[in-house]
Amino acid sequence: MAYAPLGDATQPRMRPGESSWVWQRQGLSIGGTPYADGVTVHGASSVTIDLNRPCSAYQAVVGIDDLTMGLGEARFSVRADGVTLWSSPWVAGGDAGVPVRVGLTGRKTVTLVAEPRSARDNLALADWAESRFTCDGGSSGTDGTDGEEGAQGAEGSG
């Protein structure tokens, strides 16, 4: 998924000015399990994505990145058009990743949120591993499946 503010706006695209810091990753791990790719944010973060076309689902594995060496705790949620569709339990550093899959039919925007359990968890590295949108038409996703868009991107502002 593109995170740049420029483009033809036909694919899911992050709103850089309205989103927290984002780090596109290759080769991250949660709870000792490696993942091929994903997006890392701080423990207190909000990333808003305009879908820009019909999308039916979003999926990822969420958790605290192993780079935190067991520190940090956060709760993750997926919101669409202002409505919370899914929330995780509290996830601590070292815990296994928590899978998420939500339906997005008829939705226009998605917001990925990580909330820290305490002030010291604000800067924990929270991962959205193997983050994917399933959308109608368009180019193939990062895994070669038609209509799936990987949710990786460059550092955002916010």
Protein backbone atom coordinates (compact mmCIF):
# COMPACT_ATOMS: atom_id res chain seq x y z
CA MET A 1 0.00 0.00 0.00
CA ALA A 2 1.31 3.42 -0.88
CA TYR A 3 1.75 5.96 1.89
CA ALA A 4 2.86 8.87 -0.28
CA PRO A 5 0.43 11.79 -0.58
CA LEU A 6 0.69 11.73 -4.39
CA GLY A 7 -0.75 9.23 -6.85
CA ASP A 8 -3.94 8.35 -8.67
CA ALA A 9 -5.90 7.51 -5.48
CA THR A 10 -7.23 4.20 -6.80
CA GLN A 11 -5.68 2.06 -4.05
CA PRO A 12 -5.70 2.19 -0.25
CA ARG A 13 -3.55 5.13 0.81
CA MET A 14 -2.48 6.44 4.21
CA ARG A 15 -3.23 10.03 5.17
CA PRO A 16 0.30 11.16 6.09
CA GLY A 17 -0.68 14.45 7.74
CA GLU A 18 -3.30 12.77 9.94
CA SER A 19 -1.40 9.62 10.86
CA SER A 20 1.24 8.75 13.43
CA TRP A 21 4.83 7.74 12.69
CA VAL A 22 4.96 4.57 10.57
CA TRP A 23 7.92 2.28 9.81
CA GLN A 24 7.66 -0.14 6.88
CA ARG A 25 9.38 -3.36 7.87
CA GLN A 26 10.71 -6.48 6.25
CA GLY A 27 11.54 -9.37 8.57
CA LEU A 28 9.93 -8.47 11.92
CA SER A 29 8.93 -10.76 14.80
CA ILE A 30 6.28 -10.90 17.51
CA GLY A 31 6.53 -13.34 20.42
CA GLY A 32 9.43 -15.12 18.73
CA THR A 33 7.47 -15.75 15.50
CA PRO A 34 8.99 -14.20 12.36
CA TYR A 35 6.81 -12.39 9.81
CA ALA A 36 7.84 -11.45 6.28
CA ASP A 37 6.65 -7.84 6.43
CA GLY A 38 4.50 -5.36 8.25
CA VAL A 39 4.08 -1.91 9.67
CA THR A 40 5.52 -0.80 13.01
CA VAL A 41 4.09 2.13 14.99
CA HIS A 42 4.54 3.51 18.50
CA GLY A 43 2.44 2.16 21.38
CA ALA A 44 0.28 5.29 21.16
CA SER A 45 -0.65 5.65 17.51
CA SER A 46 -3.40 6.15 14.97
CA VAL A 47 -3.01 5.53 11.23
CA THR A 48 -5.88 6.50 8.91
CA ILE A 49 -6.17 4.90 5.48
CA ASP A 50 -8.50 5.97 2.66
CA LEU A 51 -9.58 2.82 0.83
CA ASN A 52 -10.27 4.66 -2.48
CA ARG A 53 -12.12 1.65 -3.93
CA PRO A 54 -14.37 -1.20 -2.76
CA CYS A 55 -12.54 -3.39 -0.26
CA SER A 56 -14.01 -6.43 1.47
CA ALA A 57 -11.54 -7.17 4.29
CA TYR A 58 -8.48 -6.21 6.29
CA GLN A 59 -6.22 -8.73 8.02
CA ALA A 60 -3.01 -8.68 10.03
CA VAL A 61 -1.27 -10.16 13.06
CA VAL A 62 -0.78 -7.60 15.84
CA GLY A 63 1.59 -7.53 18.79
CA ILE A 64 4.55 -5.89 20.49
CA ASP A 65 7.71 -6.15 18.38
CA ASP A 66 10.49 -8.38 19.73
CA LEU A 67 12.90 -5.43 19.39
CA THR A 68 11.34 -4.17 22.64
CA MET A 69 12.94 -7.17 24.43
CA GLY A 70 9.73 -8.08 26.28
CA LEU A 71 8.83 -4.54 27.31
CA GLY A 72 5.64 -2.67 26.48
CA GLU A 73 1.94 -3.41 26.44
CA ALA A 74 -0.81 -2.15 24.14
CA ARG A 75 -4.33 -2.80 22.93
CA PHE A 76 -5.00 -2.70 19.19
CA SER A 77 -8.20 -1.77 17.37
CA VAL A 78 -9.47 -1.44 13.82
CA ARG A 79 -11.99 1.30 13.12
CA ALA A 80 -13.82 1.94 9.86
CA ASP A 81 -15.71 5.15 9.16
CA GLY A 82 -15.51 5.98 12.88
CA VAL A 83 -16.91 2.64 14.12
CA THR A 84 -14.75 0.17 16.07
CA LEU A 85 -14.90 -3.17 14.24
CA TRP A 86 -12.36 -5.09 16.32
CA SER A 87 -10.30 -4.71 19.49
CA SER A 88 -7.59 -6.97 20.88
CA PRO A 89 -7.03 -7.84 24.51
CA TRP A 90 -3.99 -6.21 26.14
CA VAL A 91 -0.90 -7.59 24.39
CA ALA A 92 2.44 -7.52 26.22
CA GLY A 93 5.99 -7.75 24.90
CA GLY A 94 6.85 -11.42 24.38
CA ASP A 95 3.19 -12.47 23.86
CA ALA A 96 2.24 -14.31 20.68
CA GLY A 97 0.75 -12.25 17.87
CA VAL A 98 -3.03 -11.83 17.77
CA PRO A 99 -4.70 -12.38 14.39
CA VAL A 100 -7.24 -9.84 13.15
CA ARG A 101 -9.60 -10.05 10.19
CA VAL A 102 -12.47 -7.62 9.70
CA GLY A 103 -14.99 -7.10 6.94
CA LEU A 104 -14.88 -3.74 5.17
CA THR A 105 -17.69 -3.96 2.65
CA GLY A 106 -19.17 -0.49 2.13
CA ARG A 107 -16.48 1.25 4.20
CA LYS A 108 -14.48 4.28 2.98
CA THR A 109 -11.73 4.72 5.63
CA VAL A 110 -9.90 2.48 8.09
CA THR A 111 -8.03 3.64 11.19
CA LEU A 112 -5.50 1.33 12.83
CA VAL A 113 -5.09 2.26 16.50
CA ALA A 114 -2.63 1.15 19.18
CA GLU A 115 -3.26 2.31 22.76
CA PRO A 116 -0.58 1.99 25.45
CA ARG A 117 -1.50 0.46 28.80
CA SER A 118 0.60 3.04 30.69
CA ALA A 119 2.63 6.14 29.91
CA ARG A 120 5.85 4.13 29.76
CA ASP A 121 4.34 2.04 26.93
CA ASN A 122 3.85 5.08 24.63
CA LEU A 123 7.06 4.40 22.71
CA ALA A 124 6.80 0.61 22.59
CA LEU A 125 7.05 -0.76 19.05
CA ALA A 126 3.61 -2.05 18.07
CA ASP A 127 3.38 -4.21 14.93
CA TRP A 128 0.70 -4.80 12.33
CA ALA A 129 2.44 -7.80 10.71
CA GLU A 130 1.44 -9.18 7.30
CA SER A 131 -1.06 -6.33 7.07
CA ARG A 132 -3.32 -6.71 4.00
CA PHE A 133 -6.42 -5.19 2.44
CA THR A 134 -8.57 -7.32 0.12
CA CYS A 135 -9.97 -4.99 -2.53
CA ASP A 136 -11.82 -5.28 -5.84
CA GLY A 137 -9.79 -5.12 -9.05
CA GLY A 138 -6.48 -3.34 -9.37
CA SER A 139 -3.00 -4.75 -9.26
CA SER A 140 -1.87 -7.90 -7.50
CA GLY A 141 -0.88 -7.68 -3.86
CA THR A 142 2.53 -8.39 -2.40
CA ASP A 143 1.82 -12.12 -2.23
CA GLY A 144 0.73 -12.34 -5.89
CA THR A 145 -2.97 -12.73 -5.08
CA ASP A 146 -5.25 -10.56 -7.20
CA GLY A 147 -6.87 -7.75 -5.28
CA GLU A 148 -4.77 -7.95 -2.11
CA GLU A 149 -2.82 -4.86 -1.18
CA GLY A 150 0.02 -5.04 1.33
CA ALA A 151 -0.13 -2.34 3.99
CA GLN A 152 3.51 -1.39 4.09
CA GLY A 153 4.77 2.16 3.73
CA ALA A 154 7.49 4.63 4.47
CA GLU A 155 7.78 6.74 7.58
CA GLY A 156 4.76 8.98 7.96
CA SER A 157 4.39 12.18 9.89
CA GLY A 158 2.28 12.93 12.90
